């Protein structure tokens, strides 16, 4: 016997059986509404609150003092990251050294620079002349070949680059080491079986693959370095933040100048973020799912 067809279910009139019924999310809609209201309130406050002094912000946005400070911030970021990258690669190789003394030395360096605040390190390096008023280069326990006054050799800019680079080198070491450990040991063994030397294996096999893993972390460290440069304002180096501080100590327009500095930081960070994504796509070619992301 064929069962009788009772017709469509209630509420399903005019709907095909193979069409999925959308799931309703009332909580999601409520949350979206709340977020939109808060965003509208924030934008309204930014536009209508005269205390932001937007005309003052745009007046100083392209001023010579601010642009000079921005250029110095970019120089600090680039030079400190170069120092940190070279130092990080060296420390990562030292960590993987078969010599226990070399490995422990690298570990001690990382322990010290990651365990003390960057601000304290900058102040320490700025006052290093209290411990070493004269610098010399020569043979250990022997005669000095070069001598010089520390105050004349180590200025605020050099202190900033050294302080930022030495601190960031400890973090870059872990980034590089993580990338090196991500390379399969079998590929190193295959390169060795083909007669490749250790240095050639590192340059042609290990490092090109490790850099794919390191790019996102290096990009984050670069963006972090850009913001860490604001700490050198404590040693009176006129980078972006300190340039803004110099202006508002004279005009007493504190908030507009802080907004100017913040907008420039946001702009440069956005550019670096876009560059990081292009670098990830470039070095990620050939990996499934990377090109389409």
C-alpha atoms as a PDB file:
ATOM      1  CA  UNK A   1       0.000   0.000   0.000  1.00  0.00           C
ATOM      2  CA  UNK A   2       1.263   3.491  -0.886  1.00  0.00           C
ATOM      3  CA  UNK A   3       0.912   5.951   1.988  1.00  0.00           C
ATOM      4  CA  UNK A   4      -1.248   8.935   1.276  1.00  0.00           C
ATOM      5  CA  UNK A   5       0.465  12.261   0.686  1.00  0.00           C
ATOM      6  CA  UNK A   6      -0.620  14.662   3.398  1.00  0.00           C
ATOM      7  CA  UNK A   7       0.741  17.685   1.485  1.00  0.00           C
ATOM      8  CA  UNK A   8       3.454  20.128   2.480  1.00  0.00           C
ATOM      9  CA  UNK A   9       4.276  20.803   6.093  1.00  0.00           C
ATOM     10  CA  UNK A  10       2.752  23.875   7.732  1.00  0.00           C
ATOM     11  CA  UNK A  11       4.683  27.009   6.852  1.00  0.00           C
ATOM     12  CA  UNK A  12       6.411  25.356   3.910  1.00  0.00           C
ATOM     13  CA  UNK A  13       3.936  26.400   1.219  1.00  0.00           C
ATOM     14  CA  UNK A  14       5.623  27.550  -1.956  1.00  0.00           C
ATOM     15  CA  UNK A  15       9.113  26.432  -0.819  1.00  0.00           C
ATOM     16  CA  UNK A  16      11.093  23.711  -2.548  1.00  0.00           C
ATOM     17  CA  UNK A  17      12.240  20.806  -0.415  1.00  0.00           C
ATOM     18  CA  UNK A  18      15.876  21.170  -1.507  1.00  0.00           C
ATOM     19  CA  UNK A  19      16.176  24.857  -0.521  1.00  0.00           C
ATOM     20  CA  UNK A  20      17.915  25.230   2.880  1.00  0.00           C
ATOM     21  CA  UNK A  21      16.152  27.228   5.547  1.00  0.00           C
ATOM     22  CA  UNK A  22      18.403  30.082   6.759  1.00  0.00           C
ATOM     23  CA  UNK A  23      19.239  30.021  10.447  1.00  0.00           C
ATOM     24  CA  UNK A  24      18.282  33.186  12.262  1.00  0.00           C
ATOM     25  CA  UNK A  25      20.731  34.844  14.660  1.00  0.00           C
ATOM     26  CA  UNK A  26      18.846  37.469  16.664  1.00  0.00           C
ATOM     27  CA  UNK A  27      21.776  37.971  19.072  1.00  0.00           C
ATOM     28  CA  UNK A  28      24.106  38.719  16.152  1.00  0.00           C
ATOM     29  CA  UNK A  29      21.757  41.366  14.807  1.00  0.00           C
ATOM     30  CA  UNK A  30      21.417  42.944  18.244  1.00  0.00           C
ATOM     31  CA  UNK A  31      25.207  43.041  18.689  1.00  0.00           C
ATOM     32  CA  UNK A  32      25.633  44.580  15.224  1.00  0.00           C
ATOM     33  CA  UNK A  33      23.129  47.280  16.093  1.00  0.00           C
ATOM     34  CA  UNK A  34      24.903  48.075  19.365  1.00  0.00           C
ATOM     35  CA  UNK A  35      28.299  48.308  17.616  1.00  0.00           C
ATOM     36  CA  UNK A  36      26.902  50.594  14.913  1.00  0.00           C
ATOM     37  CA  UNK A  37      25.365  52.886  17.534  1.00  0.00           C
ATOM     38  CA  UNK A  38      28.659  53.081  19.447  1.00  0.00           C
ATOM     39  CA  UNK A  39      30.578  53.817  16.245  1.00  0.00           C
ATOM     40  CA  UNK A  40      28.112  56.551  15.314  1.00  0.00           C
ATOM     41  CA  UNK A  41      28.497  58.089  18.780  1.00  0.00           C
ATOM     42  CA  UNK A  42      32.290  57.985  18.486  1.00  0.00           C
ATOM     43  CA  UNK A  43      32.284  59.627  15.052  1.00  0.00           C
ATOM     44  CA  UNK A  44      29.786  62.248  16.230  1.00  0.00           C
ATOM     45  CA  UNK A  45      32.044  63.076  19.173  1.00  0.00           C
ATOM     46  CA  UNK A  46      35.109  63.376  16.956  1.00  0.00           C
ATOM     47  CA  UNK A  47      33.331  65.729  14.566  1.00  0.00           C
ATOM     48  CA  UNK A  48      31.375  67.922  16.964  1.00  0.00           C
ATOM     49  CA  UNK A  49      33.752  68.185  19.944  1.00  0.00           C
ATOM     50  CA  UNK A  50      35.621  71.452  19.392  1.00  0.00           C
ATOM     51  CA  UNK A  51      38.206  70.514  22.034  1.00  0.00           C
ATOM     52  CA  UNK A  52      39.901  68.185  19.550  1.00  0.00           C
ATOM     53  CA  UNK A  53      40.961  71.359  17.686  1.00  0.00           C
ATOM     54  CA  UNK A  54      41.102  69.732  14.258  1.00  0.00           C
ATOM     55  CA  UNK A  55      42.276  72.944  12.543  1.00  0.00           C
ATOM     56  CA  UNK A  56      45.321  72.901  14.833  1.00  0.00           C
ATOM     57  CA  UNK A  57      45.892  69.218  14.023  1.00  0.00           C
ATOM     58  CA  UNK A  58      45.932  69.840  10.258  1.00  0.00           C
ATOM     59  CA  UNK A  59      48.077  72.937  10.743  1.00  0.00           C
ATOM     60  CA  UNK A  60      50.875  70.944  12.396  1.00  0.00           C
ATOM     61  CA  UNK A  61      50.378  67.699  10.467  1.00  0.00           C
ATOM     62  CA  UNK A  62      52.840  68.698   7.725  1.00  0.00           C
ATOM     63  CA  UNK A  63      54.911  71.135   9.752  1.00  0.00           C
ATOM     64  CA  UNK A  64      58.681  71.014   9.369  1.00  0.00           C
ATOM     65  CA  UNK A  65      59.247  69.954  12.991  1.00  0.00           C
ATOM     66  CA  UNK A  66      56.825  67.032  12.747  1.00  0.00           C
ATOM     67  CA  UNK A  67      58.149  65.839   9.385  1.00  0.00           C
ATOM     68  CA  UNK A  68      61.719  66.057  10.680  1.00  0.00           C
ATOM     69  CA  UNK A  69      60.743  63.962  13.698  1.00  0.00           C
ATOM     70  CA  UNK A  70      58.934  61.472  11.440  1.00  0.00           C
ATOM     71  CA  UNK A  71      62.040  61.087   9.263  1.00  0.00           C
ATOM     72  CA  UNK A  72      64.178  60.458  12.336  1.00  0.00           C
ATOM     73  CA  UNK A  73      61.669  57.875  13.561  1.00  0.00           C
ATOM     74  CA  UNK A  74      61.879  56.040  10.236  1.00  0.00           C
ATOM     75  CA  UNK A  75      65.693  56.156  10.335  1.00  0.00           C
ATOM     76  CA  UNK A  76      65.711  54.767  13.872  1.00  0.00           C
ATOM     77  CA  UNK A  77      63.305  51.995  12.892  1.00  0.00           C
ATOM     78  CA  UNK A  78      65.318  50.950   9.839  1.00  0.00           C
ATOM     79  CA  UNK A  79      68.762  51.067  11.466  1.00  0.00           C
ATOM     80  CA  UNK A  80      67.644  49.377  14.685  1.00  0.00           C
ATOM     81  CA  UNK A  81      65.944  46.580  12.725  1.00  0.00           C
ATOM     82  CA  UNK A  82      69.101  46.037  10.650  1.00  0.00           C
ATOM     83  CA  UNK A  83      71.149  45.728  13.840  1.00  0.00           C
ATOM     84  CA  UNK A  84      68.509  43.477  15.400  1.00  0.00           C
ATOM     85  CA  UNK A  85      68.232  41.207  12.343  1.00  0.00           C
ATOM     86  CA  UNK A  86      71.973  40.652  12.031  1.00  0.00           C
ATOM     87  CA  UNK A  87      72.253  40.110  15.770  1.00  0.00           C
ATOM     88  CA  UNK A  88      69.200  37.821  15.819  1.00  0.00           C
ATOM     89  CA  UNK A  89      70.595  35.574  13.090  1.00  0.00           C
ATOM     90  CA  UNK A  90      73.956  35.358  14.875  1.00  0.00           C
ATOM     91  CA  UNK A  91      72.300  34.569  18.215  1.00  0.00           C
ATOM     92  CA  UNK A  92      70.024  31.956  16.652  1.00  0.00           C
ATOM     93  CA  UNK A  93      73.027  30.162  15.145  1.00  0.00           C
ATOM     94  CA  UNK A  94      74.825  30.428  18.484  1.00  0.00           C
ATOM     95  CA  UNK A  95      71.821  28.881  20.246  1.00  0.00           C
ATOM     96  CA  UNK A  96      72.065  25.885  17.922  1.00  0.00           C
ATOM     97  CA  UNK A  97      75.829  25.591  18.277  1.00  0.00           C
ATOM     98  CA  UNK A  98      77.329  22.365  19.530  1.00  0.00           C
ATOM     99  CA  UNK A  99      79.513  24.340  21.921  1.00  0.00           C
ATOM    100  CA  UNK A 100      77.805  24.639  25.282  1.00  0.00           C
ATOM    101  CA  UNK A 101      79.687  27.840  26.090  1.00  0.00           C
ATOM    102  CA  UNK A 102      78.496  29.519  22.878  1.00  0.00           C
ATOM    103  CA  UNK A 103      74.921  28.312  23.358  1.00  0.00           C
ATOM    104  CA  UNK A 104      74.773  29.446  26.988  1.00  0.00           C
ATOM    105  CA  UNK A 105      76.231  32.834  26.067  1.00  0.00           C
ATOM    106  CA  UNK A 106      73.425  33.399  23.563  1.00  0.00           C
ATOM    107  CA  UNK A 107      70.850  32.198  26.087  1.00  0.00           C
ATOM    108  CA  UNK A 108      72.261  34.576  28.707  1.00  0.00           C
ATOM    109  CA  UNK A 109      72.042  37.489  26.289  1.00  0.00           C
ATOM    110  CA  UNK A 110      68.405  36.717  25.523  1.00  0.00           C
ATOM    111  CA  UNK A 111      67.621  36.260  29.226  1.00  0.00           C
ATOM    112  CA  UNK A 112      69.068  39.652  30.108  1.00  0.00           C
ATOM    113  CA  UNK A 113      67.612  41.781  27.319  1.00  0.00           C
ATOM    114  CA  UNK A 114      64.180  40.172  27.464  1.00  0.00           C
ATOM    115  CA  UNK A 115      64.101  40.344  31.244  1.00  0.00           C
ATOM    116  CA  UNK A 116      64.764  44.077  31.639  1.00  0.00           C
ATOM    117  CA  UNK A 117      62.487  46.879  30.358  1.00  0.00           C
ATOM    118  CA  UNK A 118      63.506  48.616  27.168  1.00  0.00           C
ATOM    119  CA  UNK A 119      63.029  52.026  28.789  1.00  0.00           C
ATOM    120  CA  UNK A 120      65.515  51.116  31.522  1.00  0.00           C
ATOM    121  CA  UNK A 121      67.995  49.891  28.914  1.00  0.00           C
ATOM    122  CA  UNK A 122      67.779  53.138  26.950  1.00  0.00           C
ATOM    123  CA  UNK A 123      68.393  55.223  30.058  1.00  0.00           C
ATOM    124  CA  UNK A 124      71.295  52.939  31.005  1.00  0.00           C
ATOM    125  CA  UNK A 125      72.993  53.266  27.615  1.00  0.00           C
ATOM    126  CA  UNK A 126      72.433  57.012  27.641  1.00  0.00           C
ATOM    127  CA  UNK A 127      74.316  57.248  30.935  1.00  0.00           C
ATOM    128  CA  UNK A 128      76.966  54.665  30.067  1.00  0.00           C
ATOM    129  CA  UNK A 129      79.624  57.380  30.125  1.00  0.00           C
ATOM    130  CA  UNK A 130      79.296  57.432  33.916  1.00  0.00           C
ATOM    131  CA  UNK A 131      80.840  53.951  33.910  1.00  0.00           C
ATOM    132  CA  UNK A 132      83.129  54.328  30.896  1.00  0.00           C
ATOM    133  CA  UNK A 133      84.118  57.986  30.388  1.00  0.00           C
ATOM    134  CA  UNK A 134      86.710  56.903  27.810  1.00  0.00           C
ATOM    135  CA  UNK A 135      86.351  54.158  25.205  1.00  0.00           C
ATOM    136  CA  UNK A 136      89.277  52.223  23.798  1.00  0.00           C
ATOM    137  CA  UNK A 137      89.844  49.412  21.311  1.00  0.00           C
ATOM    138  CA  UNK A 138      92.901  47.221  21.657  1.00  0.00           C
ATOM    139  CA  UNK A 139      94.326  43.887  22.719  1.00  0.00           C
ATOM    140  CA  UNK A 140      92.708  42.363  25.841  1.00  0.00           C
ATOM    141  CA  UNK A 141      95.004  42.914  28.839  1.00  0.00           C
ATOM    142  CA  UNK A 142      97.351  44.689  26.430  1.00  0.00           C
ATOM    143  CA  UNK A 143      97.865  48.102  24.855  1.00  0.00           C
ATOM    144  CA  UNK A 144      94.948  50.122  23.493  1.00  0.00           C
ATOM    145  CA  UNK A 145      95.061  50.899  19.791  1.00  0.00           C
ATOM    146  CA  UNK A 146      92.305  53.522  19.691  1.00  0.00           C
ATOM    147  CA  UNK A 147      91.051  55.817  22.443  1.00  0.00           C
ATOM    148  CA  UNK A 148      88.308  58.415  22.547  1.00  0.00           C
ATOM    149  CA  UNK A 149      86.014  60.387  24.781  1.00  0.00           C
ATOM    150  CA  UNK A 150      82.734  58.514  25.245  1.00  0.00           C
ATOM    151  CA  UNK A 151      80.645  61.698  25.274  1.00  0.00           C
ATOM    152  CA  UNK A 152      81.907  62.698  21.833  1.00  0.00           C
ATOM    153  CA  UNK A 153      81.661  59.206  20.336  1.00  0.00           C
ATOM    154  CA  UNK A 154      78.249  58.131  21.654  1.00  0.00           C
ATOM    155  CA  UNK A 155      75.499  60.647  20.925  1.00  0.00           C
ATOM    156  CA  UNK A 156      71.767  60.379  21.550  1.00  0.00           C
ATOM    157  CA  UNK A 157      71.045  58.980  18.079  1.00  0.00           C
ATOM    158  CA  UNK A 158      73.723  56.289  18.398  1.00  0.00           C
ATOM    159  CA  UNK A 159      72.446  55.399  21.870  1.00  0.00           C
ATOM    160  CA  UNK A 160      68.911  55.044  20.493  1.00  0.00           C
ATOM    161  CA  UNK A 161      70.001  52.785  17.624  1.00  0.00           C
ATOM    162  CA  UNK A 162      72.205  50.655  19.887  1.00  0.00           C
ATOM    163  CA  UNK A 163      69.616  50.391  22.648  1.00  0.00           C
ATOM    164  CA  UNK A 164      66.735  49.518  20.339  1.00  0.00           C
ATOM    165  CA  UNK A 165      68.841  47.147  18.236  1.00  0.00           C
ATOM    166  CA  UNK A 166      70.327  45.230  21.162  1.00  0.00           C
ATOM    167  CA  UNK A 167      66.933  44.785  22.777  1.00  0.00           C
ATOM    168  CA  UNK A 168      65.168  43.758  19.579  1.00  0.00           C
ATOM    169  CA  UNK A 169      67.994  41.354  18.727  1.00  0.00           C
ATOM    170  CA  UNK A 170      66.933  39.127  21.627  1.00  0.00           C
ATOM    171  CA  UNK A 171      63.421  38.841  20.182  1.00  0.00           C
ATOM    172  CA  UNK A 172      64.605  38.457  16.607  1.00  0.00           C
ATOM    173  CA  UNK A 173      66.756  35.550  17.743  1.00  0.00           C
ATOM    174  CA  UNK A 174      63.655  33.615  18.764  1.00  0.00           C
ATOM    175  CA  UNK A 175      61.917  34.537  15.496  1.00  0.00           C
ATOM    176  CA  UNK A 176      64.860  33.285  13.431  1.00  0.00           C
ATOM    177  CA  UNK A 177      65.302  30.168  15.579  1.00  0.00           C
ATOM    178  CA  UNK A 178      61.620  29.321  15.196  1.00  0.00           C
ATOM    179  CA  UNK A 179      61.913  29.646  11.429  1.00  0.00           C
ATOM    180  CA  UNK A 180      65.022  27.449  11.320  1.00  0.00           C
ATOM    181  CA  UNK A 181      63.395  24.761  13.455  1.00  0.00           C
ATOM    182  CA  UNK A 182      60.385  24.742  11.120  1.00  0.00           C
ATOM    183  CA  UNK A 183      62.524  23.358   8.281  1.00  0.00           C
ATOM    184  CA  UNK A 184      62.362  19.568   8.117  1.00  0.00           C
ATOM    185  CA  UNK A 185      65.581  17.829   9.073  1.00  0.00           C
ATOM    186  CA  UNK A 186      65.159  15.471   6.145  1.00  0.00           C
ATOM    187  CA  UNK A 187      65.844  18.268   3.684  1.00  0.00           C
ATOM    188  CA  UNK A 188      69.103  19.111   5.445  1.00  0.00           C
ATOM    189  CA  UNK A 189      70.084  15.468   5.384  1.00  0.00           C
ATOM    190  CA  UNK A 190      69.247  15.273   1.670  1.00  0.00           C
ATOM    191  CA  UNK A 191      71.379  18.348   0.949  1.00  0.00           C
ATOM    192  CA  UNK A 192      74.265  16.830   2.896  1.00  0.00           C
ATOM    193  CA  UNK A 193      73.894  13.582   0.957  1.00  0.00           C
ATOM    194  CA  UNK A 194      74.223  15.570  -2.267  1.00  0.00           C
ATOM    195  CA  UNK A 195      77.588  16.884  -1.085  1.00  0.00           C
ATOM    196  CA  UNK A 196      76.500  20.407  -0.146  1.00  0.00           C
ATOM    197  CA  UNK A 197      78.512  22.101   2.584  1.00  0.00           C
ATOM    198  CA  UNK A 198      76.907  23.396   5.765  1.00  0.00           C
ATOM    199  CA  UNK A 199      77.032  27.028   4.638  1.00  0.00           C
ATOM    200  CA  UNK A 200      75.644  26.207   1.202  1.00  0.00           C
ATOM    201  CA  UNK A 201      72.859  24.142   2.745  1.00  0.00           C
ATOM    202  CA  UNK A 202      71.944  27.020   5.012  1.00  0.00           C
ATOM    203  CA  UNK A 203      71.891  29.591   2.182  1.00  0.00           C
ATOM    204  CA  UNK A 204      70.169  27.466  -0.464  1.00  0.00           C
ATOM    205  CA  UNK A 205      67.912  25.107   1.492  1.00  0.00           C
ATOM    206  CA  UNK A 206      67.295  26.135   5.096  1.00  0.00           C
ATOM    207  CA  UNK A 207      67.066  29.923   5.058  1.00  0.00           C
ATOM    208  CA  UNK A 208      64.788  30.306   1.977  1.00  0.00           C
ATOM    209  CA  UNK A 209      62.242  28.003   3.616  1.00  0.00           C
ATOM    210  CA  UNK A 210      62.656  29.462   7.090  1.00  0.00           C
ATOM    211  CA  UNK A 211      61.998  32.988   5.852  1.00  0.00           C
ATOM    212  CA  UNK A 212      58.462  31.963   4.880  1.00  0.00           C
ATOM    213  CA  UNK A 213      57.753  31.194   8.512  1.00  0.00           C
ATOM    214  CA  UNK A 214      59.574  34.267   9.785  1.00  0.00           C
ATOM    215  CA  UNK A 215      57.923  36.919   7.584  1.00  0.00           C
ATOM    216  CA  UNK A 216      54.740  37.382   9.704  1.00  0.00           C
ATOM    217  CA  UNK A 217      56.703  37.572  12.952  1.00  0.00           C
ATOM    218  CA  UNK A 218      59.342  39.884  11.456  1.00  0.00           C
ATOM    219  CA  UNK A 219      56.581  42.159  10.187  1.00  0.00           C
ATOM    220  CA  UNK A 220      55.076  42.332  13.657  1.00  0.00           C
ATOM    221  CA  UNK A 221      58.479  43.090  15.174  1.00  0.00           C
ATOM    222  CA  UNK A 222      59.057  45.845  12.611  1.00  0.00           C
ATOM    223  CA  UNK A 223      55.733  47.482  13.458  1.00  0.00           C
ATOM    224  CA  UNK A 224      56.535  47.112  17.137  1.00  0.00           C
ATOM    225  CA  UNK A 225      59.934  48.729  16.600  1.00  0.00           C
ATOM    226  CA  UNK A 226      58.258  51.714  14.942  1.00  0.00           C
ATOM    227  CA  UNK A 227      56.247  52.284  18.105  1.00  0.00           C
ATOM    228  CA  UNK A 228      59.134  51.526  20.465  1.00  0.00           C
ATOM    229  CA  UNK A 229      61.064  54.435  18.951  1.00  0.00           C
ATOM    230  CA  UNK A 230      58.739  56.742  20.898  1.00  0.00           C
ATOM    231  CA  UNK A 231      60.562  55.630  24.063  1.00  0.00           C
ATOM    232  CA  UNK A 232      63.732  57.434  22.985  1.00  0.00           C
ATOM    233  CA  UNK A 233      61.961  60.692  23.813  1.00  0.00           C
ATOM    234  CA  UNK A 234      63.252  60.139  27.364  1.00  0.00           C
ATOM    235  CA  UNK A 235      66.798  60.797  26.120  1.00  0.00           C
ATOM    236  CA  UNK A 236      65.714  64.033  24.403  1.00  0.00           C
ATOM    237  CA  UNK A 237      66.126  62.723  20.866  1.00  0.00           C
ATOM    238  CA  UNK A 238      63.697  64.689  18.651  1.00  0.00           C
ATOM    239  CA  UNK A 239      61.898  61.830  16.928  1.00  0.00           C
ATOM    240  CA  UNK A 240      58.174  62.057  16.119  1.00  0.00           C
ATOM    241  CA  UNK A 241      56.783  62.048  19.665  1.00  0.00           C
ATOM    242  CA  UNK A 242      59.461  64.294  21.136  1.00  0.00           C
ATOM    243  CA  UNK A 243      59.022  66.759  18.261  1.00  0.00           C
ATOM    244  CA  UNK A 244      55.332  66.956  19.115  1.00  0.00           C
ATOM    245  CA  UNK A 245      56.218  67.419  22.786  1.00  0.00           C
ATOM    246  CA  UNK A 246      58.549  70.297  21.967  1.00  0.00           C
ATOM    247  CA  UNK A 247      55.734  72.073  20.145  1.00  0.00           C
ATOM    248  CA  UNK A 248      53.020  71.595  22.762  1.00  0.00           C
ATOM    249  CA  UNK A 249      55.276  72.670  25.620  1.00  0.00           C
ATOM    250  CA  UNK A 250      55.463  76.029  23.838  1.00  0.00           C
ATOM    251  CA  UNK A 251      51.856  76.314  22.596  1.00  0.00           C
ATOM    252  CA  UNK A 252      50.098  74.318  25.374  1.00  0.00           C
ATOM    253  CA  UNK A 253      48.093  72.515  22.673  1.00  0.00           C
ATOM    254  CA  UNK A 254      48.807  69.067  24.075  1.00  0.00           C
ATOM    255  CA  UNK A 255      45.927  67.005  22.682  1.00  0.00           C
ATOM    256  CA  UNK A 256      46.125  68.247  19.059  1.00  0.00           C
ATOM    257  CA  UNK A 257      49.863  67.511  18.890  1.00  0.00           C
ATOM    258  CA  UNK A 258      49.392  64.047  20.389  1.00  0.00           C
ATOM    259  CA  UNK A 259      46.717  63.409  17.762  1.00  0.00           C
ATOM    260  CA  UNK A 260      49.178  64.500  15.054  1.00  0.00           C
ATOM    261  CA  UNK A 261      51.787  62.018  16.286  1.00  0.00           C
ATOM    262  CA  UNK A 262      49.210  59.244  16.613  1.00  0.00           C
ATOM    263  CA  UNK A 263      47.899  59.797  13.080  1.00  0.00           C
ATOM    264  CA  UNK A 264      51.415  59.558  11.646  1.00  0.00           C
ATOM    265  CA  UNK A 265      52.088  56.360  13.610  1.00  0.00           C
ATOM    266  CA  UNK A 266      48.812  54.902  12.296  1.00  0.00           C
ATOM    267  CA  UNK A 267      49.638  55.905   8.724  1.00  0.00           C
ATOM    268  CA  UNK A 268      53.125  54.382   8.743  1.00  0.00           C
ATOM    269  CA  UNK A 269      51.859  51.254  10.507  1.00  0.00           C
ATOM    270  CA  UNK A 270      49.214  50.813   7.816  1.00  0.00           C
ATOM    271  CA  UNK A 271      51.838  51.061   5.074  1.00  0.00           C
ATOM    272  CA  UNK A 272      54.042  48.502   6.845  1.00  0.00           C
ATOM    273  CA  UNK A 273      51.084  46.162   7.305  1.00  0.00           C
ATOM    274  CA  UNK A 274      50.276  46.273   3.588  1.00  0.00           C
ATOM    275  CA  UNK A 275      53.946  45.643   2.777  1.00  0.00           C
ATOM    276  CA  UNK A 276      53.993  42.699   5.168  1.00  0.00           C
ATOM    277  CA  UNK A 277      51.037  41.083   3.405  1.00  0.00           C
ATOM    278  CA  UNK A 278      52.673  41.484   0.005  1.00  0.00           C
ATOM    279  CA  UNK A 279      55.865  39.935   1.397  1.00  0.00           C
ATOM    280  CA  UNK A 280      53.886  37.012   2.820  1.00  0.00           C
ATOM    281  CA  UNK A 281      52.286  36.389  -0.566  1.00  0.00           C
ATOM    282  CA  UNK A 282      55.622  36.667  -2.376  1.00  0.00           C
ATOM    283  CA  UNK A 283      57.505  34.247  -0.138  1.00  0.00           C
ATOM    284  CA  UNK A 284      54.483  31.999   0.218  1.00  0.00           C
ATOM    285  CA  UNK A 285      54.212  31.241  -3.490  1.00  0.00           C
ATOM    286  CA  UNK A 286      53.767  27.558  -4.146  1.00  0.00           C
ATOM    287  CA  UNK A 287      52.212  26.859  -0.746  1.00  0.00           C
ATOM    288  CA  UNK A 288      48.622  25.657  -0.887  1.00  0.00           C
ATOM    289  CA  UNK A 289      46.144  28.310   0.204  1.00  0.00           C
ATOM    290  CA  UNK A 290      48.674  31.174   0.361  1.00  0.00           C
ATOM    291  CA  UNK A 291      48.172  32.684  -3.064  1.00  0.00           C
ATOM    292  CA  UNK A 292      44.448  32.821  -2.626  1.00  0.00           C
ATOM    293  CA  UNK A 293      44.542  34.395   0.780  1.00  0.00           C
END
